[in-house]
Amino acid sequence: MTKIAIIDDEIQILQSIQRYLGRRKQFDITIFDNPTHARKSLLNAEYDLIMMPQINGIDMLKELRKEDQPR
């Protein structure tokens, strides 16, 4: 099963994408409308695909690396 994380601040858009992709049984879709919750999940789970219209991948990786630093 392909795990997909979708991050957007518009819940209606998230739900529409989730319904559309959810028709295919091979996708396990998780939606996030809060970037803080998304970061926590991305640090603790593995996804095959991450869709983020509001932030680019480099900026998200920088944020994840900040969170993953030893304390």
PDB file of N, CA and C in Angstrom:
ATOM      1  N   MET A   1       0.854  -1.177   0.000  1.00  0.00           N
ATOM      2  CA  MET A   1       0.000   0.000   0.000  1.00  0.00           C
ATOM      3  C   MET A   1       0.899   1.238   0.000  1.00  0.00           C
ATOM      4  N   THR A   2       0.538   2.208  -0.805  1.00  0.00           N
ATOM      5  CA  THR A   2       1.281   3.461  -0.903  1.00  0.00           C
ATOM      6  C   THR A   2       0.758   4.452   0.129  1.00  0.00           C
ATOM      7  N   LYS A   3       1.644   4.916   0.998  1.00  0.00           N
ATOM      8  CA  LYS A   3       1.257   5.891   2.027  1.00  0.00           C
ATOM      9  C   LYS A   3       1.490   7.301   1.507  1.00  0.00           C
ATOM     10  N   ILE A   4       0.420   8.112   1.538  1.00  0.00           N
ATOM     11  CA  ILE A   4       0.478   9.477   1.029  1.00  0.00           C
ATOM     12  C   ILE A   4       0.090  10.446   2.136  1.00  0.00           C
ATOM     13  N   ALA A   5       0.897  11.483   2.317  1.00  0.00           N
ATOM     14  CA  ALA A   5       0.565  12.579   3.232  1.00  0.00           C
ATOM     15  C   ALA A   5       0.272  13.813   2.387  1.00  0.00           C
ATOM     16  N   ILE A   6      -0.852  14.470   2.676  1.00  0.00           N
ATOM     17  CA  ILE A   6      -1.225  15.687   1.964  1.00  0.00           C
ATOM     18  C   ILE A   6      -1.359  16.802   2.990  1.00  0.00           C
ATOM     19  N   ILE A   7      -0.663  17.906   2.746  1.00  0.00           N
ATOM     20  CA  ILE A   7      -0.635  19.025   3.685  1.00  0.00           C
ATOM     21  C   ILE A   7      -1.154  20.271   2.983  1.00  0.00           C
ATOM     22  N   ASP A   8      -2.201  20.861   3.530  1.00  0.00           N
ATOM     23  CA  ASP A   8      -2.775  22.090   2.969  1.00  0.00           C
ATOM     24  C   ASP A   8      -3.582  22.758   4.066  1.00  0.00           C
ATOM     25  N   ASP A   9      -3.736  24.077   3.984  1.00  0.00           N
ATOM     26  CA  ASP A   9      -4.514  24.762   5.016  1.00  0.00           C
ATOM     27  C   ASP A   9      -6.004  24.823   4.685  1.00  0.00           C
ATOM     28  N   GLU A  10      -6.401  24.361   3.518  1.00  0.00           N
ATOM     29  CA  GLU A  10      -7.814  24.349   3.122  1.00  0.00           C
ATOM     30  C   GLU A  10      -8.380  22.947   3.310  1.00  0.00           C
ATOM     31  N   ILE A  11      -9.161  22.758   4.358  1.00  0.00           N
ATOM     32  CA  ILE A  11      -9.686  21.436   4.683  1.00  0.00           C
ATOM     33  C   ILE A  11     -10.571  20.885   3.564  1.00  0.00           C
ATOM     34  N   GLN A  12     -11.315  21.756   2.868  1.00  0.00           N
ATOM     35  CA  GLN A  12     -12.171  21.286   1.782  1.00  0.00           C
ATOM     36  C   GLN A  12     -11.342  20.690   0.644  1.00  0.00           C
ATOM     37  N   ILE A  13     -10.216  21.314   0.352  1.00  0.00           N
ATOM     38  CA  ILE A  13      -9.327  20.781  -0.686  1.00  0.00           C
ATOM     39  C   ILE A  13      -8.761  19.440  -0.244  1.00  0.00           C
ATOM     40  N   LEU A  14      -8.332  19.363   0.997  1.00  0.00           N
ATOM     41  CA  LEU A  14      -7.801  18.109   1.528  1.00  0.00           C
ATOM     42  C   LEU A  14      -8.826  16.988   1.425  1.00  0.00           C
ATOM     43  N   GLN A  15     -10.046  17.276   1.834  1.00  0.00           N
ATOM     44  CA  GLN A  15     -11.091  16.261   1.809  1.00  0.00           C
ATOM     45  C   GLN A  15     -11.424  15.829   0.385  1.00  0.00           C
ATOM     46  N   SER A  16     -11.417  16.770  -0.550  1.00  0.00           N
ATOM     47  CA  SER A  16     -11.688  16.431  -1.953  1.00  0.00           C
ATOM     48  C   SER A  16     -10.603  15.513  -2.511  1.00  0.00           C
ATOM     49  N   ILE A  17      -9.352  15.860  -2.244  1.00  0.00           N
ATOM     50  CA  ILE A  17      -8.246  15.023  -2.719  1.00  0.00           C
ATOM     51  C   ILE A  17      -8.308  13.652  -2.060  1.00  0.00           C
ATOM     52  N   GLN A  18      -8.601  13.629  -0.773  1.00  0.00           N
ATOM     53  CA  GLN A  18      -8.689  12.358  -0.053  1.00  0.00           C
ATOM     54  C   GLN A  18      -9.798  11.478  -0.633  1.00  0.00           C
ATOM     55  N   ARG A  19     -10.960  12.070  -0.923  1.00  0.00           N
ATOM     56  CA  ARG A  19     -12.058  11.295  -1.520  1.00  0.00           C
ATOM     57  C   ARG A  19     -11.661  10.756  -2.895  1.00  0.00           C
ATOM     58  N   TYR A  20     -11.045  11.618  -3.701  1.00  0.00           N
ATOM     59  CA  TYR A  20     -10.660  11.216  -5.055  1.00  0.00           C
ATOM     60  C   TYR A  20      -9.634  10.080  -5.026  1.00  0.00           C
ATOM     61  N   LEU A  21      -8.554  10.271  -4.285  1.00  0.00           N
ATOM     62  CA  LEU A  21      -7.514   9.247  -4.227  1.00  0.00           C
ATOM     63  C   LEU A  21      -7.960   8.024  -3.433  1.00  0.00           C
ATOM     64  N   GLY A  22      -8.856   8.238  -2.476  1.00  0.00           N
ATOM     65  CA  GLY A  22      -9.329   7.147  -1.636  1.00  0.00           C
ATOM     66  C   GLY A  22     -10.133   6.100  -2.381  1.00  0.00           C
ATOM     67  N   ARG A  23     -10.570   6.419  -3.585  1.00  0.00           N
ATOM     68  CA  ARG A  23     -11.299   5.441  -4.407  1.00  0.00           C
ATOM     69  C   ARG A  23     -10.403   4.279  -4.806  1.00  0.00           C
ATOM     70  N   ARG A  24      -9.128   4.543  -4.818  1.00  0.00           N
ATOM     71  CA  ARG A  24      -8.164   3.492  -5.162  1.00  0.00           C
ATOM     72  C   ARG A  24      -7.698   2.830  -3.870  1.00  0.00           C
ATOM     73  N   LYS A  25      -7.843   1.553  -3.830  1.00  0.00           N
ATOM     74  CA  LYS A  25      -7.567   0.813  -2.593  1.00  0.00           C
ATOM     75  C   LYS A  25      -6.083   0.726  -2.257  1.00  0.00           C
ATOM     76  N   GLN A  26      -5.209   1.059  -3.215  1.00  0.00           N
ATOM     77  CA  GLN A  26      -3.775   0.919  -2.945  1.00  0.00           C
ATOM     78  C   GLN A  26      -3.180   2.114  -2.208  1.00  0.00           C
ATOM     79  N   PHE A  27      -3.993   3.150  -1.935  1.00  0.00           N
ATOM     80  CA  PHE A  27      -3.493   4.345  -1.261  1.00  0.00           C
ATOM     81  C   PHE A  27      -3.980   4.419   0.181  1.00  0.00           C
ATOM     82  N   ASP A  28      -3.050   4.688   1.078  1.00  0.00           N
ATOM     83  CA  ASP A  28      -3.362   4.996   2.477  1.00  0.00           C
ATOM     84  C   ASP A  28      -3.066   6.487   2.640  1.00  0.00           C
ATOM     85  N   ILE A  29      -4.123   7.303   2.741  1.00  0.00           N
ATOM     86  CA  ILE A  29      -3.983   8.757   2.690  1.00  0.00           C
ATOM     87  C   ILE A  29      -4.171   9.370   4.072  1.00  0.00           C
ATOM     88  N   THR A  30      -3.236  10.233   4.444  1.00  0.00           N
ATOM     89  CA  THR A  30      -3.338  11.006   5.678  1.00  0.00           C
ATOM     90  C   THR A  30      -3.323  12.476   5.291  1.00  0.00           C
ATOM     91  N   ILE A  31      -4.282  13.233   5.830  1.00  0.00           N
ATOM     92  CA  ILE A  31      -4.340  14.659   5.510  1.00  0.00           C
ATOM     93  C   ILE A  31      -4.000  15.486   6.747  1.00  0.00           C
ATOM     94  N   PHE A  32      -3.378  16.640   6.492  1.00  0.00           N
ATOM     95  CA  PHE A  32      -3.004  17.562   7.561  1.00  0.00           C
ATOM     96  C   PHE A  32      -3.366  18.980   7.142  1.00  0.00           C
ATOM     97  N   ASP A  33      -4.068  19.694   8.012  1.00  0.00           N
ATOM     98  CA  ASP A  33      -4.322  21.111   7.750  1.00  0.00           C
ATOM     99  C   ASP A  33      -3.490  21.987   8.683  1.00  0.00           C
ATOM    100  N   ASN A  34      -2.632  21.350   9.452  1.00  0.00           N
ATOM    101  CA  ASN A  34      -1.784  22.053  10.405  1.00  0.00           C
ATOM    102  C   ASN A  34      -0.332  21.610  10.188  1.00  0.00           C
ATOM    103  N   PRO A  35       0.562  22.519   9.789  1.00  0.00           N
ATOM    104  CA  PRO A  35       1.940  22.120   9.515  1.00  0.00           C
ATOM    105  C   PRO A  35       2.674  21.551  10.727  1.00  0.00           C
ATOM    106  N   THR A  36       2.324  21.996  11.916  1.00  0.00           N
ATOM    107  CA  THR A  36       2.969  21.458  13.121  1.00  0.00           C
ATOM    108  C   THR A  36       2.622  19.986  13.300  1.00  0.00           C
ATOM    109  N   HIS A  37       1.368  19.630  13.127  1.00  0.00           N
ATOM    110  CA  HIS A  37       0.962  18.224  13.220  1.00  0.00           C
ATOM    111  C   HIS A  37       1.604  17.405  12.104  1.00  0.00           C
ATOM    112  N   ALA A  38       1.691  18.003  10.927  1.00  0.00           N
ATOM    113  CA  ALA A  38       2.315  17.306   9.799  1.00  0.00           C
ATOM    114  C   ALA A  38       3.776  17.001  10.104  1.00  0.00           C
ATOM    115  N   ARG A  39       4.505  17.989  10.615  1.00  0.00           N
ATOM    116  CA  ARG A  39       5.924  17.776  10.952  1.00  0.00           C
ATOM    117  C   ARG A  39       6.085  16.634  11.940  1.00  0.00           C
ATOM    118  N   LYS A  40       5.256  16.622  12.972  1.00  0.00           N
ATOM    119  CA  LYS A  40       5.356  15.553  13.979  1.00  0.00           C
ATOM    120  C   LYS A  40       5.120  14.189  13.348  1.00  0.00           C
ATOM    121  N   SER A  41       4.123  14.100  12.492  1.00  0.00           N
ATOM    122  CA  SER A  41       3.828  12.828  11.847  1.00  0.00           C
ATOM    123  C   SER A  41       4.934  12.418  10.882  1.00  0.00           C
ATOM    124  N   LEU A  42       5.469  13.379  10.137  1.00  0.00           N
ATOM    125  CA  LEU A  42       6.537  13.066   9.187  1.00  0.00           C
ATOM    126  C   LEU A  42       7.801  12.592   9.895  1.00  0.00           C
ATOM    127  N   LEU A  43       7.996  13.028  11.120  1.00  0.00           N
ATOM    128  CA  LEU A  43       9.151  12.566  11.897  1.00  0.00           C
ATOM    129  C   LEU A  43       8.951  11.161  12.444  1.00  0.00           C
ATOM    130  N   ASN A  44       7.694  10.753  12.606  1.00  0.00           N
ATOM    131  CA  ASN A  44       7.401   9.478  13.260  1.00  0.00           C
ATOM    132  C   ASN A  44       6.848   8.403  12.338  1.00  0.00           C
ATOM    133  N   ALA A  45       6.583   8.726  11.095  1.00  0.00           N
ATOM    134  CA  ALA A  45       6.016   7.750  10.164  1.00  0.00           C
ATOM    135  C   ALA A  45       6.713   7.881   8.817  1.00  0.00           C
ATOM    136  N   GLU A  46       6.631   6.831   8.025  1.00  0.00           N
ATOM    137  CA  GLU A  46       7.229   6.855   6.693  1.00  0.00           C
ATOM    138  C   GLU A  46       6.125   6.978   5.656  1.00  0.00           C
ATOM    139  N   TYR A  47       6.313   7.892   4.719  1.00  0.00           N
ATOM    140  CA  TYR A  47       5.367   8.095   3.628  1.00  0.00           C
ATOM    141  C   TYR A  47       6.087   7.889   2.305  1.00  0.00           C
ATOM    142  N   ASP A  48       5.359   7.378   1.332  1.00  0.00           N
ATOM    143  CA  ASP A  48       5.906   7.192  -0.009  1.00  0.00           C
ATOM    144  C   ASP A  48       5.807   8.467  -0.836  1.00  0.00           C
ATOM    145  N   LEU A  49       4.811   9.301  -0.529  1.00  0.00           N
ATOM    146  CA  LEU A  49       4.587  10.535  -1.270  1.00  0.00           C
ATOM    147  C   LEU A  49       4.061  11.594  -0.317  1.00  0.00           C
ATOM    148  N   ILE A  50       4.601  12.806  -0.435  1.00  0.00           N
ATOM    149  CA  ILE A  50       4.138  13.935   0.375  1.00  0.00           C
ATOM    150  C   ILE A  50       3.764  15.060  -0.574  1.00  0.00           C
ATOM    151  N   MET A  51       2.516  15.525  -0.477  1.00  0.00           N
ATOM    152  CA  MET A  51       2.032  16.626  -1.314  1.00  0.00           C
ATOM    153  C   MET A  51       1.868  17.852  -0.429  1.00  0.00           C
ATOM    154  N   MET A  52       2.538  18.960  -0.804  1.00  0.00           N
ATOM    155  CA  MET A  52       2.528  20.171   0.019  1.00  0.00           C
ATOM    156  C   MET A  52       2.445  21.410  -0.865  1.00  0.00           C
ATOM    157  N   PRO A  53       1.273  21.899  -1.170  1.00  0.00           N
ATOM    158  CA  PRO A  53       1.193  23.080  -2.026  1.00  0.00           C
ATOM    159  C   PRO A  53       1.660  24.374  -1.361  1.00  0.00           C
ATOM    160  N   GLN A  54       1.717  24.450  -0.050  1.00  0.00           N
ATOM    161  CA  GLN A  54       2.029  25.699   0.644  1.00  0.00           C
ATOM    162  C   GLN A  54       3.499  25.878   0.997  1.00  0.00           C
ATOM    163  N   ILE A  55       4.284  24.822   0.945  1.00  0.00           N
ATOM    164  CA  ILE A  55       5.697  24.898   1.327  1.00  0.00           C
ATOM    165  C   ILE A  55       6.486  23.994   0.383  1.00  0.00           C
ATOM    166  N   ASN A  56       7.702  24.381   0.080  1.00  0.00           N
ATOM    167  CA  ASN A  56       8.482  23.514  -0.806  1.00  0.00           C
ATOM    168  C   ASN A  56       9.210  22.447   0.011  1.00  0.00           C
ATOM    169  N   GLY A  57       9.681  21.442  -0.690  1.00  0.00           N
ATOM    170  CA  GLY A  57      10.305  20.305  -0.026  1.00  0.00           C
ATOM    171  C   GLY A  57      11.555  20.655   0.759  1.00  0.00           C
ATOM    172  N   ILE A  58      12.361  21.569   0.244  1.00  0.00           N
ATOM    173  CA  ILE A  58      13.590  21.967   0.938  1.00  0.00           C
ATOM    174  C   ILE A  58      13.265  22.617   2.278  1.00  0.00           C
ATOM    175  N   ASP A  59      12.299  23.527   2.286  1.00  0.00           N
ATOM    176  CA  ASP A  59      11.914  24.176   3.543  1.00  0.00           C
ATOM    177  C   ASP A  59      11.353  23.167   4.538  1.00  0.00           C
ATOM    178  N   MET A  60      10.570  22.196   4.059  1.00  0.00           N
ATOM    179  CA  MET A  60      10.031  21.176   4.960  1.00  0.00           C
ATOM    180  C   MET A  60      11.164  20.327   5.528  1.00  0.00           C
ATOM    181  N   LEU A  61      12.136  19.951   4.708  1.00  0.00           N
ATOM    182  CA  LEU A  61      13.268  19.175   5.218  1.00  0.00           C
ATOM    183  C   LEU A  61      14.045  19.938   6.275  1.00  0.00           C
ATOM    184  N   LYS A  62      14.233  21.236   6.071  1.00  0.00           N
ATOM    185  CA  LYS A  62      14.908  22.058   7.081  1.00  0.00           C
ATOM    186  C   LYS A  62      14.143  22.031   8.397  1.00  0.00           C
ATOM    187  N   GLU A  63      12.823  22.149   8.324  1.00  0.00           N
ATOM    188  CA  GLU A  63      11.996  22.108   9.536  1.00  0.00           C
ATOM    189  C   GLU A  63      12.092  20.745  10.213  1.00  0.00           C
ATOM    190  N   LEU A  64      12.061  19.678   9.434  1.00  0.00           N
ATOM    191  CA  LEU A  64      12.148  18.333  10.005  1.00  0.00           C
ATOM    192  C   LEU A  64      13.501  18.103  10.663  1.00  0.00           C
ATOM    193  N   ARG A  65      14.549  18.591  10.057  1.00  0.00           N
ATOM    194  CA  ARG A  65      15.880  18.428  10.645  1.00  0.00           C
ATOM    195  C   ARG A  65      16.003  19.183  11.960  1.00  0.00           C
ATOM    196  N   LYS A  66      15.391  20.356  12.048  1.00  0.00           N
ATOM    197  CA  LYS A  66      15.390  21.102  13.318  1.00  0.00           C
ATOM    198  C   LYS A  66      14.719  20.283  14.408  1.00  0.00           C
ATOM    199  N   GLU A  67      13.600  19.661  14.068  1.00  0.00           N
ATOM    200  CA  GLU A  67      12.827  18.880  15.036  1.00  0.00           C
ATOM    201  C   GLU A  67      13.557  17.606  15.441  1.00  0.00           C
ATOM    202  N   ASP A  68      14.383  17.066  14.551  1.00  0.00           N
ATOM    203  CA  ASP A  68      15.011  15.769  14.774  1.00  0.00           C
ATOM    204  C   ASP A  68      16.369  15.878  15.464  1.00  0.00           C
ATOM    205  N   GLN A  69      16.762  17.061  15.896  1.00  0.00           N
ATOM    206  CA  GLN A  69      18.045  17.254  16.571  1.00  0.00           C
ATOM    207  C   GLN A  69      17.994  16.663  17.980  1.00  0.00           C
ATOM    208  N   PRO A  70      19.081  16.032  18.414  1.00  0.00           N
ATOM    209  CA  PRO A  70      19.125  15.521  19.794  1.00  0.00           C
ATOM    210  C   PRO A  70      18.973  16.659  20.795  1.00  0.00           C
ATOM    211  N   ARG A  71      18.303  16.378  21.869  1.00  0.00           N
ATOM    212  CA  ARG A  71      18.079  17.399  22.897  1.00  0.00           C
ATOM    213  C   ARG A  71      18.861  17.063  24.135  1.00  0.00           C
TER     214      ARG A  71
END
